[in-house]
N, C-alpha and C. Protein backbone atom coordinates (compact mmCIF):
# COMPACT_ATOMS: atom_id res chain seq x y z
N MET A 1 -32.76 -105.95 47.26
CA MET A 1 -33.18 -106.96 46.33
C MET A 1 -34.14 -106.37 45.29
N ARG A 2 -35.05 -105.51 45.72
CA ARG A 2 -35.98 -104.88 44.77
C ARG A 2 -35.23 -104.05 43.74
N LEU A 3 -34.21 -103.35 44.21
CA LEU A 3 -33.42 -102.52 43.30
C LEU A 3 -32.72 -103.39 42.25
N PHE A 4 -32.19 -104.54 42.68
CA PHE A 4 -31.54 -105.44 41.75
C PHE A 4 -32.53 -105.95 40.70
N ILE A 5 -33.71 -106.35 41.13
CA ILE A 5 -34.74 -106.84 40.20
C ILE A 5 -35.14 -105.75 39.22
N LEU A 6 -35.31 -104.53 39.72
CA LEU A 6 -35.64 -103.41 38.84
C LEU A 6 -34.54 -103.18 37.82
N PHE A 7 -33.28 -103.29 38.27
CA PHE A 7 -32.14 -103.12 37.37
C PHE A 7 -32.16 -104.19 36.27
N VAL A 8 -32.38 -105.45 36.63
CA VAL A 8 -32.42 -106.54 35.66
C VAL A 8 -33.55 -106.32 34.66
N ILE A 9 -34.73 -105.93 35.14
CA ILE A 9 -35.86 -105.68 34.24
C ILE A 9 -35.53 -104.54 33.28
N LEU A 10 -34.92 -103.50 33.81
CA LEU A 10 -34.55 -102.35 32.99
C LEU A 10 -33.55 -102.76 31.91
N ILE A 11 -32.53 -103.52 32.30
CA ILE A 11 -31.51 -103.95 31.33
C ILE A 11 -32.12 -104.88 30.29
N LEU A 12 -32.87 -105.87 30.72
CA LEU A 12 -33.47 -106.81 29.78
C LEU A 12 -34.47 -106.11 28.87
N GLY A 13 -35.24 -105.22 29.42
CA GLY A 13 -36.21 -104.47 28.60
C GLY A 13 -35.51 -103.59 27.60
N THR A 14 -34.44 -102.94 28.02
CA THR A 14 -33.68 -102.09 27.11
C THR A 14 -33.05 -102.93 26.02
N HIS A 15 -32.48 -104.06 26.39
CA HIS A 15 -31.84 -104.92 25.40
C HIS A 15 -32.85 -105.42 24.38
N ALA A 16 -34.00 -105.82 24.85
CA ALA A 16 -35.01 -106.34 23.93
C ALA A 16 -35.45 -105.28 22.94
N SER A 17 -35.71 -104.07 23.43
CA SER A 17 -36.18 -103.03 22.52
C SER A 17 -35.06 -102.57 21.60
N PHE A 18 -33.82 -102.54 22.10
CA PHE A 18 -32.69 -102.09 21.30
C PHE A 18 -32.42 -103.08 20.18
N SER A 19 -32.41 -104.37 20.50
CA SER A 19 -32.08 -105.34 19.47
C SER A 19 -33.16 -105.41 18.40
N GLN A 20 -34.39 -105.05 18.73
CA GLN A 20 -35.45 -105.03 17.73
C GLN A 20 -35.34 -103.79 16.85
N ILE A 21 -34.71 -102.76 17.35
CA ILE A 21 -34.65 -101.51 16.62
C ILE A 21 -33.53 -101.52 15.57
N LEU A 22 -32.33 -101.89 15.95
CA LEU A 22 -31.20 -101.83 15.03
C LEU A 22 -30.14 -102.84 15.44
N THR A 23 -29.70 -103.65 14.52
CA THR A 23 -28.67 -104.65 14.77
C THR A 23 -27.38 -104.15 14.13
N PRO A 24 -26.25 -104.28 14.83
CA PRO A 24 -25.00 -103.77 14.25
C PRO A 24 -24.46 -104.65 13.13
N VAL A 25 -23.78 -103.99 12.21
CA VAL A 25 -22.96 -104.66 11.21
C VAL A 25 -21.59 -104.77 11.87
N VAL A 26 -21.00 -105.95 11.89
CA VAL A 26 -19.69 -106.13 12.51
C VAL A 26 -18.64 -106.16 11.42
N ASP A 27 -17.60 -105.37 11.61
CA ASP A 27 -16.52 -105.29 10.63
C ASP A 27 -15.22 -105.15 11.41
N SER A 28 -14.12 -104.98 10.71
CA SER A 28 -12.84 -104.69 11.36
C SER A 28 -12.15 -103.58 10.58
N ILE A 29 -11.43 -102.77 11.33
CA ILE A 29 -10.77 -101.60 10.75
C ILE A 29 -9.26 -101.83 10.75
N PRO A 30 -8.63 -101.76 9.58
CA PRO A 30 -7.17 -101.93 9.53
C PRO A 30 -6.47 -100.66 10.04
N LEU A 31 -5.47 -100.86 10.86
CA LEU A 31 -4.65 -99.76 11.35
C LEU A 31 -3.34 -99.72 10.56
N ARG A 32 -2.59 -98.66 10.71
CA ARG A 32 -1.40 -98.44 9.88
C ARG A 32 -0.33 -99.52 10.03
N ASP A 33 -0.34 -100.26 11.14
CA ASP A 33 0.65 -101.32 11.31
C ASP A 33 0.15 -102.69 10.83
N GLY A 34 -1.03 -102.69 10.19
CA GLY A 34 -1.58 -103.94 9.66
C GLY A 34 -2.49 -104.68 10.63
N LYS A 35 -2.47 -104.31 11.89
CA LYS A 35 -3.38 -104.91 12.88
C LYS A 35 -4.78 -104.38 12.63
N LYS A 36 -5.79 -105.07 13.18
CA LYS A 36 -7.17 -104.64 13.00
C LYS A 36 -7.90 -104.55 14.33
N VAL A 37 -8.82 -103.59 14.40
CA VAL A 37 -9.70 -103.49 15.56
C VAL A 37 -11.14 -103.72 15.10
N PRO A 38 -11.94 -104.41 15.92
CA PRO A 38 -13.33 -104.66 15.53
C PRO A 38 -14.18 -103.42 15.71
N VAL A 39 -15.24 -103.36 14.93
CA VAL A 39 -16.17 -102.23 15.01
C VAL A 39 -17.59 -102.74 14.83
N ASP A 40 -18.48 -102.24 15.65
CA ASP A 40 -19.92 -102.45 15.46
C ASP A 40 -20.46 -101.19 14.82
N ILE A 41 -21.15 -101.35 13.71
CA ILE A 41 -21.66 -100.21 12.95
C ILE A 41 -23.18 -100.27 12.96
N TYR A 42 -23.79 -99.19 13.39
CA TYR A 42 -25.24 -99.08 13.42
C TYR A 42 -25.66 -98.09 12.34
N ILE A 43 -26.31 -98.59 11.30
CA ILE A 43 -26.69 -97.75 10.18
C ILE A 43 -28.21 -97.67 10.13
N PRO A 44 -28.78 -96.48 10.34
CA PRO A 44 -30.23 -96.34 10.26
C PRO A 44 -30.74 -96.70 8.87
N PRO A 45 -31.94 -97.25 8.78
CA PRO A 45 -32.47 -97.68 7.48
C PRO A 45 -32.58 -96.54 6.46
N ASN A 46 -32.77 -95.30 6.94
CA ASN A 46 -32.91 -94.17 6.02
C ASN A 46 -31.56 -93.57 5.63
N CYS A 47 -30.48 -94.20 6.04
CA CYS A 47 -29.13 -93.67 5.76
C CYS A 47 -28.52 -94.37 4.56
N THR A 48 -28.30 -93.62 3.51
CA THR A 48 -27.54 -94.16 2.39
C THR A 48 -26.11 -93.64 2.45
N SER A 49 -25.97 -92.47 2.98
CA SER A 49 -24.66 -91.84 3.20
C SER A 49 -24.89 -90.75 4.23
N CYS A 50 -24.49 -90.98 5.46
CA CYS A 50 -24.79 -90.01 6.52
C CYS A 50 -23.57 -89.77 7.41
N PRO A 51 -23.63 -88.72 8.23
CA PRO A 51 -22.53 -88.48 9.16
C PRO A 51 -22.46 -89.62 10.18
N VAL A 52 -21.28 -89.80 10.75
CA VAL A 52 -21.05 -90.93 11.66
C VAL A 52 -20.54 -90.42 12.99
N ILE A 53 -21.07 -90.99 14.06
CA ILE A 53 -20.58 -90.72 15.41
C ILE A 53 -19.75 -91.92 15.83
N LEU A 54 -18.50 -91.66 16.16
CA LEU A 54 -17.55 -92.69 16.57
C LEU A 54 -17.42 -92.70 18.09
N ILE A 55 -17.52 -93.90 18.67
CA ILE A 55 -17.27 -94.11 20.09
C ILE A 55 -16.16 -95.14 20.18
N GLN A 56 -15.04 -94.76 20.81
CA GLN A 56 -13.92 -95.68 21.01
C GLN A 56 -13.89 -96.04 22.49
N THR A 57 -13.92 -97.33 22.81
CA THR A 57 -14.08 -97.71 24.21
C THR A 57 -13.08 -98.76 24.69
N PRO A 58 -12.64 -98.64 25.94
CA PRO A 58 -11.86 -99.70 26.57
C PRO A 58 -12.77 -100.66 27.35
N TYR A 59 -14.08 -100.43 27.31
CA TYR A 59 -15.03 -101.15 28.16
C TYR A 59 -15.82 -102.25 27.44
N ASN A 60 -15.40 -102.66 26.28
CA ASN A 60 -16.01 -103.74 25.51
C ASN A 60 -17.20 -103.23 24.70
N ARG A 61 -16.97 -103.07 23.43
CA ARG A 61 -18.00 -102.54 22.53
C ARG A 61 -19.26 -103.39 22.53
N LEU A 62 -19.13 -104.68 22.83
CA LEU A 62 -20.30 -105.57 22.83
C LEU A 62 -21.32 -105.18 23.90
N LEU A 63 -20.86 -104.55 24.98
CA LEU A 63 -21.79 -104.10 26.02
C LEU A 63 -22.71 -103.00 25.53
N PHE A 64 -22.27 -102.28 24.51
CA PHE A 64 -23.10 -101.22 23.95
C PHE A 64 -24.32 -101.79 23.23
N ARG A 65 -24.28 -103.08 22.92
CA ARG A 65 -25.44 -103.71 22.30
C ARG A 65 -26.60 -103.80 23.29
N LEU A 66 -26.29 -103.77 24.57
CA LEU A 66 -27.35 -103.78 25.59
C LEU A 66 -28.04 -102.43 25.66
N SER A 67 -27.25 -101.38 25.55
CA SER A 67 -27.81 -100.03 25.61
C SER A 67 -26.69 -99.04 25.32
N LEU A 68 -26.94 -98.12 24.45
CA LEU A 68 -25.94 -97.08 24.22
C LEU A 68 -25.89 -96.17 25.43
N PRO A 69 -24.78 -95.49 25.63
CA PRO A 69 -24.58 -94.70 26.84
C PRO A 69 -25.44 -93.45 26.89
N MET A 70 -25.42 -92.85 28.07
CA MET A 70 -26.21 -91.64 28.32
C MET A 70 -26.01 -90.60 27.22
N GLY A 71 -27.08 -89.94 26.89
CA GLY A 71 -27.00 -88.88 25.90
C GLY A 71 -27.25 -89.31 24.48
N ILE A 72 -27.26 -90.62 24.22
CA ILE A 72 -27.50 -91.07 22.85
C ILE A 72 -28.83 -91.79 22.74
N GLY A 73 -29.13 -92.65 23.68
CA GLY A 73 -30.41 -93.36 23.64
C GLY A 73 -30.34 -94.60 22.79
N ASN A 74 -31.47 -95.25 22.65
CA ASN A 74 -31.49 -96.55 21.98
C ASN A 74 -32.13 -96.54 20.61
N ASN A 75 -32.93 -95.55 20.27
CA ASN A 75 -33.67 -95.59 19.03
C ASN A 75 -32.82 -95.07 17.86
N LEU A 76 -31.82 -95.86 17.51
CA LEU A 76 -30.91 -95.45 16.44
C LEU A 76 -31.54 -95.55 15.07
N ALA A 77 -32.60 -96.34 14.94
CA ALA A 77 -33.25 -96.51 13.65
C ALA A 77 -33.82 -95.20 13.14
N ASN A 78 -34.16 -94.29 14.03
CA ASN A 78 -34.71 -92.98 13.64
C ASN A 78 -33.67 -91.88 13.66
N SER A 79 -32.40 -92.24 13.83
CA SER A 79 -31.34 -91.25 13.92
C SER A 79 -30.95 -90.74 12.53
N ASN A 80 -30.40 -89.54 12.51
CA ASN A 80 -29.84 -88.98 11.28
C ASN A 80 -28.36 -89.32 11.15
N TYR A 81 -27.85 -90.12 12.08
CA TYR A 81 -26.43 -90.46 12.12
C TYR A 81 -26.25 -91.97 12.15
N ALA A 82 -25.15 -92.43 11.57
CA ALA A 82 -24.70 -93.81 11.79
C ALA A 82 -23.77 -93.75 13.01
N PHE A 83 -23.62 -94.89 13.68
CA PHE A 83 -22.76 -94.97 14.85
C PHE A 83 -21.74 -96.08 14.62
N ALA A 84 -20.49 -95.82 14.98
CA ALA A 84 -19.43 -96.82 14.90
C ALA A 84 -18.81 -96.93 16.29
N ILE A 85 -18.78 -98.14 16.84
CA ILE A 85 -18.24 -98.35 18.18
C ILE A 85 -17.10 -99.35 18.09
N THR A 86 -15.91 -98.91 18.51
CA THR A 86 -14.72 -99.76 18.44
C THR A 86 -14.17 -100.04 19.83
N ASP A 87 -13.54 -101.20 19.94
CA ASP A 87 -12.73 -101.49 21.13
C ASP A 87 -11.37 -100.83 20.93
N TRP A 88 -10.79 -100.35 22.03
CA TRP A 88 -9.42 -99.86 21.95
C TRP A 88 -8.50 -101.03 21.65
N ARG A 89 -7.43 -100.74 20.95
CA ARG A 89 -6.37 -101.73 20.74
C ARG A 89 -5.95 -102.27 22.12
N CYS A 90 -5.75 -103.57 22.22
CA CYS A 90 -5.34 -104.29 23.43
C CYS A 90 -6.51 -104.62 24.37
N PHE A 91 -7.71 -104.19 24.05
CA PHE A 91 -8.86 -104.43 24.91
C PHE A 91 -9.89 -105.28 24.19
N TYR A 92 -10.44 -106.23 24.90
CA TYR A 92 -11.56 -107.08 24.45
C TYR A 92 -11.36 -107.58 23.02
N GLY A 93 -12.23 -107.21 22.11
CA GLY A 93 -12.16 -107.72 20.74
C GLY A 93 -10.90 -107.31 20.00
N ALA A 94 -10.19 -106.30 20.49
CA ALA A 94 -8.96 -105.83 19.85
C ALA A 94 -7.72 -106.28 20.60
N ALA A 95 -7.85 -107.28 21.47
CA ALA A 95 -6.71 -107.78 22.24
C ALA A 95 -5.59 -108.29 21.33
N SER A 96 -5.95 -108.91 20.22
CA SER A 96 -4.93 -109.47 19.32
C SER A 96 -4.18 -108.37 18.55
N ALA A 97 -4.67 -107.16 18.58
CA ALA A 97 -4.00 -106.05 17.90
C ALA A 97 -2.97 -105.37 18.80
N CYS A 98 -2.78 -105.90 20.00
CA CYS A 98 -1.90 -105.26 20.98
C CYS A 98 -0.45 -105.25 20.49
N THR A 99 0.22 -104.13 20.74
CA THR A 99 1.64 -103.99 20.46
C THR A 99 2.30 -103.33 21.67
N SER A 100 3.60 -103.25 21.66
CA SER A 100 4.31 -102.68 22.80
C SER A 100 4.25 -101.15 22.83
N ASN A 101 4.02 -100.53 21.71
CA ASN A 101 4.00 -99.06 21.67
C ASN A 101 2.68 -98.57 21.06
N VAL A 102 1.62 -98.66 21.84
CA VAL A 102 0.30 -98.24 21.37
C VAL A 102 0.23 -96.72 21.33
N ASP A 103 -0.28 -96.19 20.24
CA ASP A 103 -0.53 -94.75 20.11
C ASP A 103 -2.02 -94.60 19.78
N ARG A 104 -2.83 -94.35 20.78
CA ARG A 104 -4.28 -94.29 20.60
C ARG A 104 -4.71 -93.14 19.70
N GLY A 105 -3.95 -92.08 19.68
CA GLY A 105 -4.26 -90.96 18.78
C GLY A 105 -4.13 -91.36 17.33
N LYS A 106 -3.03 -92.04 17.00
CA LYS A 106 -2.83 -92.50 15.62
C LYS A 106 -3.86 -93.57 15.25
N ASP A 107 -4.20 -94.45 16.21
CA ASP A 107 -5.26 -95.43 15.95
C ASP A 107 -6.57 -94.70 15.65
N GLY A 108 -6.88 -93.68 16.44
CA GLY A 108 -8.10 -92.89 16.22
C GLY A 108 -8.10 -92.24 14.85
N TYR A 109 -6.96 -91.71 14.44
CA TYR A 109 -6.83 -91.12 13.10
C TYR A 109 -7.20 -92.15 12.05
N ASP A 110 -6.59 -93.34 12.14
CA ASP A 110 -6.85 -94.40 11.15
C ASP A 110 -8.32 -94.81 11.15
N ILE A 111 -8.92 -94.88 12.33
CA ILE A 111 -10.33 -95.27 12.43
C ILE A 111 -11.23 -94.21 11.80
N VAL A 112 -10.99 -92.95 12.10
CA VAL A 112 -11.79 -91.86 11.52
C VAL A 112 -11.70 -91.88 10.00
N GLU A 113 -10.50 -92.02 9.48
CA GLU A 113 -10.32 -91.98 8.03
C GLU A 113 -10.92 -93.22 7.35
N TRP A 114 -10.87 -94.38 8.02
CA TRP A 114 -11.53 -95.57 7.47
C TRP A 114 -13.04 -95.36 7.40
N ILE A 115 -13.60 -94.85 8.48
CA ILE A 115 -15.04 -94.58 8.52
C ILE A 115 -15.44 -93.63 7.39
N ALA A 116 -14.66 -92.57 7.21
CA ALA A 116 -14.98 -91.56 6.18
C ALA A 116 -14.96 -92.16 4.78
N SER A 117 -14.22 -93.23 4.58
CA SER A 117 -14.10 -93.84 3.25
C SER A 117 -15.19 -94.87 2.95
N GLN A 118 -16.05 -95.15 3.91
CA GLN A 118 -17.07 -96.19 3.73
C GLN A 118 -18.28 -95.63 2.98
N PRO A 119 -18.96 -96.46 2.19
CA PRO A 119 -20.10 -95.98 1.40
C PRO A 119 -21.28 -95.50 2.23
N TRP A 120 -21.41 -95.97 3.47
CA TRP A 120 -22.51 -95.54 4.33
C TRP A 120 -22.18 -94.24 5.07
N SER A 121 -20.98 -93.73 4.87
CA SER A 121 -20.54 -92.48 5.51
C SER A 121 -20.50 -91.36 4.48
N ASN A 122 -20.91 -90.17 4.90
CA ASN A 122 -20.80 -89.02 4.00
C ASN A 122 -19.46 -88.30 4.19
N GLY A 123 -18.56 -88.90 4.96
CA GLY A 123 -17.23 -88.32 5.17
C GLY A 123 -17.12 -87.42 6.37
N LEU A 124 -18.23 -87.17 7.06
CA LEU A 124 -18.21 -86.33 8.25
C LEU A 124 -18.25 -87.23 9.48
N VAL A 125 -17.20 -87.17 10.30
CA VAL A 125 -17.11 -88.03 11.47
C VAL A 125 -16.98 -87.15 12.71
N GLY A 126 -17.80 -87.46 13.70
CA GLY A 126 -17.72 -86.83 15.01
C GLY A 126 -17.45 -87.90 16.05
N THR A 127 -16.88 -87.50 17.18
CA THR A 127 -16.63 -88.45 18.26
C THR A 127 -17.45 -88.06 19.47
N TRP A 128 -17.70 -89.04 20.35
CA TRP A 128 -18.53 -88.81 21.52
C TRP A 128 -18.09 -89.72 22.65
N GLY A 129 -18.24 -89.25 23.87
CA GLY A 129 -18.05 -90.11 25.02
C GLY A 129 -17.52 -89.41 26.25
N PRO A 130 -17.86 -89.96 27.43
CA PRO A 130 -17.38 -89.41 28.69
C PRO A 130 -16.14 -90.13 29.21
N SER A 131 -15.40 -89.46 30.06
CA SER A 131 -14.28 -90.02 30.80
C SER A 131 -13.23 -90.62 29.85
N ALA A 132 -12.94 -91.90 29.94
CA ALA A 132 -11.94 -92.52 29.06
C ALA A 132 -12.34 -92.39 27.60
N LEU A 133 -13.65 -92.45 27.34
CA LEU A 133 -14.15 -92.29 25.97
C LEU A 133 -13.99 -90.84 25.51
N GLY A 134 -13.86 -89.94 26.47
CA GLY A 134 -13.60 -88.54 26.17
C GLY A 134 -12.13 -88.27 25.95
N LYS A 135 -11.30 -88.85 26.80
CA LYS A 135 -9.87 -88.57 26.66
C LYS A 135 -9.30 -89.09 25.34
N ILE A 136 -9.82 -90.20 24.85
CA ILE A 136 -9.31 -90.71 23.57
C ILE A 136 -9.69 -89.77 22.43
N GLN A 137 -10.74 -89.00 22.61
CA GLN A 137 -11.12 -88.02 21.58
C GLN A 137 -10.06 -86.93 21.46
N TYR A 138 -9.50 -86.51 22.60
CA TYR A 138 -8.42 -85.52 22.56
C TYR A 138 -7.20 -86.10 21.85
N GLN A 139 -6.89 -87.36 22.14
CA GLN A 139 -5.75 -88.00 21.51
C GLN A 139 -5.96 -88.11 20.00
N THR A 140 -7.18 -88.47 19.60
CA THR A 140 -7.50 -88.57 18.18
C THR A 140 -7.44 -87.20 17.51
N ALA A 141 -8.08 -86.21 18.11
CA ALA A 141 -8.11 -84.86 17.54
C ALA A 141 -6.71 -84.26 17.40
N LYS A 142 -5.83 -84.59 18.33
CA LYS A 142 -4.45 -84.09 18.28
C LYS A 142 -3.75 -84.51 16.99
N GLU A 143 -4.15 -85.66 16.43
CA GLU A 143 -3.55 -86.15 15.18
C GLU A 143 -4.14 -85.48 13.94
N ASN A 144 -5.22 -84.72 14.13
CA ASN A 144 -5.84 -83.91 13.08
C ASN A 144 -6.31 -84.72 11.86
N PRO A 145 -7.14 -85.74 12.07
CA PRO A 145 -7.66 -86.46 10.91
C PRO A 145 -8.55 -85.53 10.07
N PRO A 146 -8.37 -85.50 8.75
CA PRO A 146 -9.10 -84.56 7.90
C PRO A 146 -10.61 -84.67 7.98
N HIS A 147 -11.15 -85.84 8.28
CA HIS A 147 -12.60 -86.02 8.27
C HIS A 147 -13.24 -85.92 9.66
N LEU A 148 -12.45 -85.60 10.67
CA LEU A 148 -13.00 -85.39 12.01
C LEU A 148 -13.53 -83.96 12.08
N VAL A 149 -14.86 -83.83 12.19
CA VAL A 149 -15.46 -82.49 12.15
C VAL A 149 -15.91 -82.00 13.52
N CYS A 150 -16.06 -82.89 14.49
CA CYS A 150 -16.39 -82.44 15.84
C CYS A 150 -16.06 -83.52 16.84
N ALA A 151 -15.90 -83.10 18.08
CA ALA A 151 -15.64 -84.02 19.19
C ALA A 151 -16.47 -83.54 20.38
N VAL A 152 -17.03 -84.50 21.11
CA VAL A 152 -17.83 -84.17 22.29
C VAL A 152 -17.28 -84.98 23.46
N PRO A 153 -16.13 -84.56 24.00
CA PRO A 153 -15.58 -85.24 25.17
C PRO A 153 -16.26 -84.72 26.44
N LEU A 154 -16.92 -85.62 27.15
CA LEU A 154 -17.61 -85.26 28.38
C LEU A 154 -16.77 -85.70 29.58
N VAL A 155 -16.77 -84.93 30.62
CA VAL A 155 -16.00 -85.18 31.85
C VAL A 155 -14.60 -85.71 31.55
N ALA A 156 -13.91 -85.05 30.65
CA ALA A 156 -12.54 -85.40 30.30
C ALA A 156 -11.82 -84.11 29.93
N GLY A 157 -10.78 -83.78 30.68
CA GLY A 157 -10.07 -82.54 30.42
C GLY A 157 -8.85 -82.73 29.54
N PRO A 158 -8.56 -81.79 28.66
CA PRO A 158 -7.41 -81.92 27.76
C PRO A 158 -6.07 -81.79 28.48
N GLN A 159 -6.07 -81.23 29.68
CA GLN A 159 -4.82 -81.00 30.38
C GLN A 159 -4.29 -82.24 31.10
N THR A 160 -5.07 -83.31 31.16
CA THR A 160 -4.66 -84.51 31.85
C THR A 160 -3.63 -85.28 31.03
N ASN A 161 -2.68 -85.89 31.73
CA ASN A 161 -1.70 -86.73 31.05
C ASN A 161 -2.38 -88.04 30.69
N TYR A 162 -2.48 -88.33 29.43
CA TYR A 162 -3.25 -89.48 28.96
C TYR A 162 -2.40 -90.67 28.56
N GLN A 163 -1.34 -90.91 29.23
CA GLN A 163 -0.55 -92.10 28.94
C GLN A 163 -1.26 -93.31 29.50
N GLU A 164 -1.29 -94.38 28.75
CA GLU A 164 -1.95 -95.63 29.19
C GLU A 164 -0.94 -96.51 29.87
């Protein structure tokens, strides 16, 4: 019971400090088939045009509003990067974009190129994430989007068969 209470305090405390630091801009990204996926964009106040870190998730982008995942932290207002967090097609906010032949690599390509074209982006896009968030980076990188400059897939190997 003590552990549960500590967990709740930690989550609520993190959420309170995070929401005071930076609130996301919500937008949608058009994909090549005309469907759209939602994106939460975190733009630091000192960013007029900065590099962007993209996180593509099957775990509901809205949960990231509680706390960004390990390795990134919550104080995005002092970051030198903007962050864009999208739901995968067919998941959560992107459920209506579902089709019978999903190609997550091509979706990633479209997302990277859309981000690079935005006024708050300097055209340099990197990806980040562990496990499923890592494997989608390999799928995206395989499509070779021109503005993808780095990928940081954690605990995700390129040799795995990534069919959904």
